[in-house]
Amino acid sequence: MTERLTFEPGVPDRRWGATPDELLKPMHHSGFQFWDEISETAQYLGGEAAFALAEHLTGVRITAELLETTTFICGSAEIG
């Protein structure tokens, strides 16, 4: 499996992966603010923009109800 894009929602300018710039247009449209666009609200947009980008990529609308009623499964594994 190839990692195409990885980034932290609060710092979208720091991207890596095989195609880190492939989704710049959708990221910008979803509300991510980049260094040259920093505003007073930039720190609060990362999470909202991440959900908007996820909706764009998957077609699944992320709503409060979806997050409240969905069962999430997670786990951890020790490496080494």
N, C-alpha and C. Protein backbone atom coordinates (compact mmCIF):
# COMPACT_ATOMS: atom_id res chain seq x y z
N MET A 1 0.84 -1.17 0.00
CA MET A 1 0.00 0.00 0.00
C MET A 1 0.90 1.24 0.00
N THR A 2 0.53 2.23 -0.80
CA THR A 2 1.30 3.46 -0.91
C THR A 2 0.60 4.58 -0.16
N GLU A 3 1.33 5.25 0.68
CA GLU A 3 0.80 6.40 1.40
C GLU A 3 0.88 7.60 0.47
N ARG A 4 -0.27 8.08 0.02
CA ARG A 4 -0.30 9.16 -0.97
C ARG A 4 -0.24 10.54 -0.34
N LEU A 5 -0.92 10.73 0.79
CA LEU A 5 -0.94 12.04 1.44
C LEU A 5 -1.11 11.86 2.94
N THR A 6 -0.25 12.50 3.68
CA THR A 6 -0.36 12.52 5.13
C THR A 6 -0.11 13.95 5.58
N PHE A 7 -0.91 14.41 6.54
CA PHE A 7 -0.71 15.74 7.10
C PHE A 7 -1.52 15.86 8.38
N GLU A 8 -1.16 16.81 9.20
CA GLU A 8 -1.94 17.12 10.39
C GLU A 8 -2.91 18.23 10.02
N PRO A 9 -4.19 18.10 10.32
CA PRO A 9 -5.18 19.09 9.92
C PRO A 9 -4.84 20.52 10.33
N GLY A 10 -4.20 20.70 11.46
CA GLY A 10 -3.86 22.04 11.90
C GLY A 10 -2.66 22.65 11.19
N VAL A 11 -1.92 21.81 10.44
CA VAL A 11 -0.72 22.28 9.75
C VAL A 11 -0.71 21.71 8.32
N PRO A 12 -1.65 22.13 7.49
CA PRO A 12 -1.76 21.53 6.16
C PRO A 12 -0.59 21.83 5.22
N ASP A 13 0.26 22.79 5.58
CA ASP A 13 1.42 23.08 4.74
C ASP A 13 2.49 22.00 4.85
N ARG A 14 2.46 21.24 5.91
CA ARG A 14 3.43 20.15 6.10
C ARG A 14 2.78 18.85 5.66
N ARG A 15 2.95 18.54 4.39
CA ARG A 15 2.37 17.33 3.80
C ARG A 15 3.49 16.43 3.30
N TRP A 16 3.24 15.12 3.34
CA TRP A 16 4.20 14.19 2.78
C TRP A 16 3.46 13.00 2.22
N GLY A 17 4.16 12.14 1.55
CA GLY A 17 3.58 10.99 0.90
C GLY A 17 3.95 10.99 -0.57
N ALA A 18 3.46 10.01 -1.32
CA ALA A 18 3.79 9.87 -2.73
C ALA A 18 3.25 11.02 -3.58
N THR A 19 2.09 11.56 -3.22
CA THR A 19 1.48 12.67 -3.98
C THR A 19 0.96 13.73 -3.01
N PRO A 20 1.84 14.42 -2.28
CA PRO A 20 1.39 15.33 -1.23
C PRO A 20 0.60 16.54 -1.72
N ASP A 21 0.72 16.90 -2.98
CA ASP A 21 0.02 18.09 -3.48
C ASP A 21 -1.20 17.76 -4.33
N GLU A 22 -1.51 16.50 -4.48
CA GLU A 22 -2.61 16.07 -5.35
C GLU A 22 -3.96 16.65 -4.92
N LEU A 23 -4.17 16.83 -3.64
CA LEU A 23 -5.48 17.29 -3.15
C LEU A 23 -5.48 18.74 -2.68
N LEU A 24 -4.54 19.54 -3.16
CA LEU A 24 -4.48 20.93 -2.72
C LEU A 24 -5.77 21.70 -3.02
N LYS A 25 -6.32 21.53 -4.21
CA LYS A 25 -7.57 22.23 -4.54
C LYS A 25 -8.71 21.82 -3.61
N PRO A 26 -8.97 20.50 -3.46
CA PRO A 26 -10.03 20.10 -2.53
C PRO A 26 -9.74 20.52 -1.09
N MET A 27 -8.48 20.50 -0.68
CA MET A 27 -8.14 20.94 0.68
C MET A 27 -8.49 22.42 0.86
N HIS A 28 -8.11 23.22 -0.11
CA HIS A 28 -8.39 24.64 -0.03
C HIS A 28 -9.90 24.89 -0.03
N HIS A 29 -10.61 24.18 -0.90
CA HIS A 29 -12.07 24.32 -0.99
C HIS A 29 -12.75 23.86 0.31
N SER A 30 -12.15 22.89 1.00
CA SER A 30 -12.73 22.37 2.24
C SER A 30 -12.49 23.29 3.42
N GLY A 31 -11.64 24.29 3.26
CA GLY A 31 -11.44 25.26 4.33
C GLY A 31 -10.07 25.28 4.97
N PHE A 32 -9.15 24.44 4.48
CA PHE A 32 -7.80 24.50 5.05
C PHE A 32 -7.16 25.83 4.70
N GLN A 33 -6.46 26.41 5.66
CA GLN A 33 -5.74 27.65 5.44
C GLN A 33 -4.25 27.35 5.44
N PHE A 34 -3.57 27.90 4.47
CA PHE A 34 -2.14 27.65 4.33
C PHE A 34 -1.37 28.87 4.83
N TRP A 35 -0.06 28.72 4.99
CA TRP A 35 0.77 29.76 5.64
C TRP A 35 0.49 31.15 5.09
N ASP A 36 0.38 31.28 3.80
CA ASP A 36 0.20 32.61 3.22
C ASP A 36 -1.22 33.14 3.40
N GLU A 37 -2.08 32.37 4.05
CA GLU A 37 -3.48 32.78 4.26
C GLU A 37 -3.87 32.82 5.74
N ILE A 38 -2.91 32.71 6.62
CA ILE A 38 -3.22 32.59 8.04
C ILE A 38 -4.08 33.77 8.51
N SER A 39 -5.14 33.42 9.23
CA SER A 39 -6.02 34.44 9.81
C SER A 39 -6.21 34.10 11.29
N GLU A 40 -6.96 34.93 11.98
CA GLU A 40 -7.21 34.70 13.40
C GLU A 40 -7.96 33.40 13.66
N THR A 41 -8.72 32.92 12.68
CA THR A 41 -9.52 31.71 12.88
C THR A 41 -8.82 30.45 12.37
N ALA A 42 -7.62 30.57 11.83
CA ALA A 42 -6.94 29.43 11.23
C ALA A 42 -6.81 28.25 12.19
N GLN A 43 -6.51 28.51 13.45
CA GLN A 43 -6.30 27.43 14.40
C GLN A 43 -7.58 26.62 14.64
N TYR A 44 -8.73 27.19 14.37
CA TYR A 44 -9.99 26.49 14.63
C TYR A 44 -10.53 25.75 13.42
N LEU A 45 -9.95 25.96 12.25
CA LEU A 45 -10.51 25.38 11.03
C LEU A 45 -9.99 23.99 10.70
N GLY A 46 -8.91 23.55 11.31
CA GLY A 46 -8.32 22.26 10.97
C GLY A 46 -9.30 21.10 11.07
N GLY A 47 -10.00 20.99 12.19
CA GLY A 47 -10.93 19.89 12.39
C GLY A 47 -12.12 19.95 11.45
N GLU A 48 -12.72 21.11 11.33
CA GLU A 48 -13.86 21.28 10.44
C GLU A 48 -13.46 21.01 9.00
N ALA A 49 -12.31 21.53 8.60
CA ALA A 49 -11.83 21.32 7.23
C ALA A 49 -11.53 19.85 6.98
N ALA A 50 -11.01 19.15 7.99
CA ALA A 50 -10.71 17.73 7.84
C ALA A 50 -11.98 16.92 7.58
N PHE A 51 -13.06 17.24 8.30
CA PHE A 51 -14.33 16.55 8.07
C PHE A 51 -14.89 16.89 6.69
N ALA A 52 -14.75 18.14 6.27
CA ALA A 52 -15.22 18.53 4.94
C ALA A 52 -14.43 17.81 3.85
N LEU A 53 -13.12 17.67 4.03
CA LEU A 53 -12.30 16.94 3.05
C LEU A 53 -12.68 15.46 3.03
N ALA A 54 -12.91 14.88 4.21
CA ALA A 54 -13.33 13.47 4.27
C ALA A 54 -14.64 13.28 3.53
N GLU A 55 -15.57 14.21 3.69
CA GLU A 55 -16.84 14.12 2.98
C GLU A 55 -16.62 14.21 1.47
N HIS A 56 -15.76 15.12 1.05
CA HIS A 56 -15.45 15.27 -0.38
C HIS A 56 -14.87 13.97 -0.95
N LEU A 57 -13.97 13.34 -0.21
CA LEU A 57 -13.29 12.15 -0.70
C LEU A 57 -14.15 10.89 -0.67
N THR A 58 -15.04 10.80 0.32
CA THR A 58 -15.82 9.57 0.49
C THR A 58 -17.28 9.69 0.06
N GLY A 59 -17.79 10.91 0.02
CA GLY A 59 -19.20 11.09 -0.28
C GLY A 59 -20.10 10.88 0.93
N VAL A 60 -19.51 10.64 2.09
CA VAL A 60 -20.26 10.41 3.32
C VAL A 60 -20.29 11.71 4.12
N ARG A 61 -21.48 12.23 4.39
CA ARG A 61 -21.62 13.46 5.17
C ARG A 61 -21.40 13.15 6.64
N ILE A 62 -20.45 13.82 7.23
CA ILE A 62 -20.14 13.62 8.64
C ILE A 62 -21.00 14.58 9.46
N THR A 63 -21.94 14.03 10.20
CA THR A 63 -22.85 14.84 11.01
C THR A 63 -22.64 14.51 12.49
N ALA A 64 -23.15 15.36 13.34
CA ALA A 64 -23.09 15.09 14.78
C ALA A 64 -23.79 13.77 15.10
N GLU A 65 -24.93 13.55 14.47
CA GLU A 65 -25.67 12.30 14.70
C GLU A 65 -24.84 11.08 14.29
N LEU A 66 -24.18 11.15 13.15
CA LEU A 66 -23.35 10.04 12.71
C LEU A 66 -22.25 9.74 13.73
N LEU A 67 -21.60 10.79 14.23
CA LEU A 67 -20.53 10.60 15.20
C LEU A 67 -21.05 10.09 16.54
N GLU A 68 -22.26 10.49 16.92
CA GLU A 68 -22.83 10.08 18.20
C GLU A 68 -23.37 8.66 18.17
N THR A 69 -23.83 8.18 17.02
CA THR A 69 -24.49 6.87 16.95
C THR A 69 -23.63 5.77 16.35
N THR A 70 -22.47 6.10 15.84
CA THR A 70 -21.59 5.11 15.23
C THR A 70 -20.75 4.42 16.28
N THR A 71 -20.60 3.13 16.16
CA THR A 71 -19.72 2.39 17.05
C THR A 71 -18.32 2.39 16.43
N PHE A 72 -17.36 2.87 17.19
CA PHE A 72 -15.98 2.92 16.72
C PHE A 72 -15.19 1.81 17.38
N ILE A 73 -14.38 1.14 16.61
CA ILE A 73 -13.54 0.08 17.11
C ILE A 73 -12.09 0.49 16.90
N CYS A 74 -11.31 0.34 17.93
CA CYS A 74 -9.89 0.67 17.81
C CYS A 74 -9.08 -0.34 18.61
N GLY A 75 -7.82 -0.31 18.38
CA GLY A 75 -6.93 -1.22 19.09
C GLY A 75 -5.52 -0.68 19.04
N SER A 76 -4.65 -1.36 19.69
CA SER A 76 -3.24 -0.97 19.66
C SER A 76 -2.39 -2.22 19.63
N ALA A 77 -1.20 -2.06 19.14
CA ALA A 77 -0.26 -3.17 19.07
C ALA A 77 1.12 -2.65 19.39
N GLU A 78 1.83 -3.40 20.17
CA GLU A 78 3.19 -3.02 20.51
C GLU A 78 4.11 -3.40 19.35
N ILE A 79 4.93 -2.47 18.95
CA ILE A 79 5.88 -2.72 17.87
C ILE A 79 7.24 -2.97 18.47
N GLY A 80 7.85 -4.01 18.02
CA GLY A 80 9.21 -4.22 18.51
C GLY A 80 9.50 -5.56 18.97
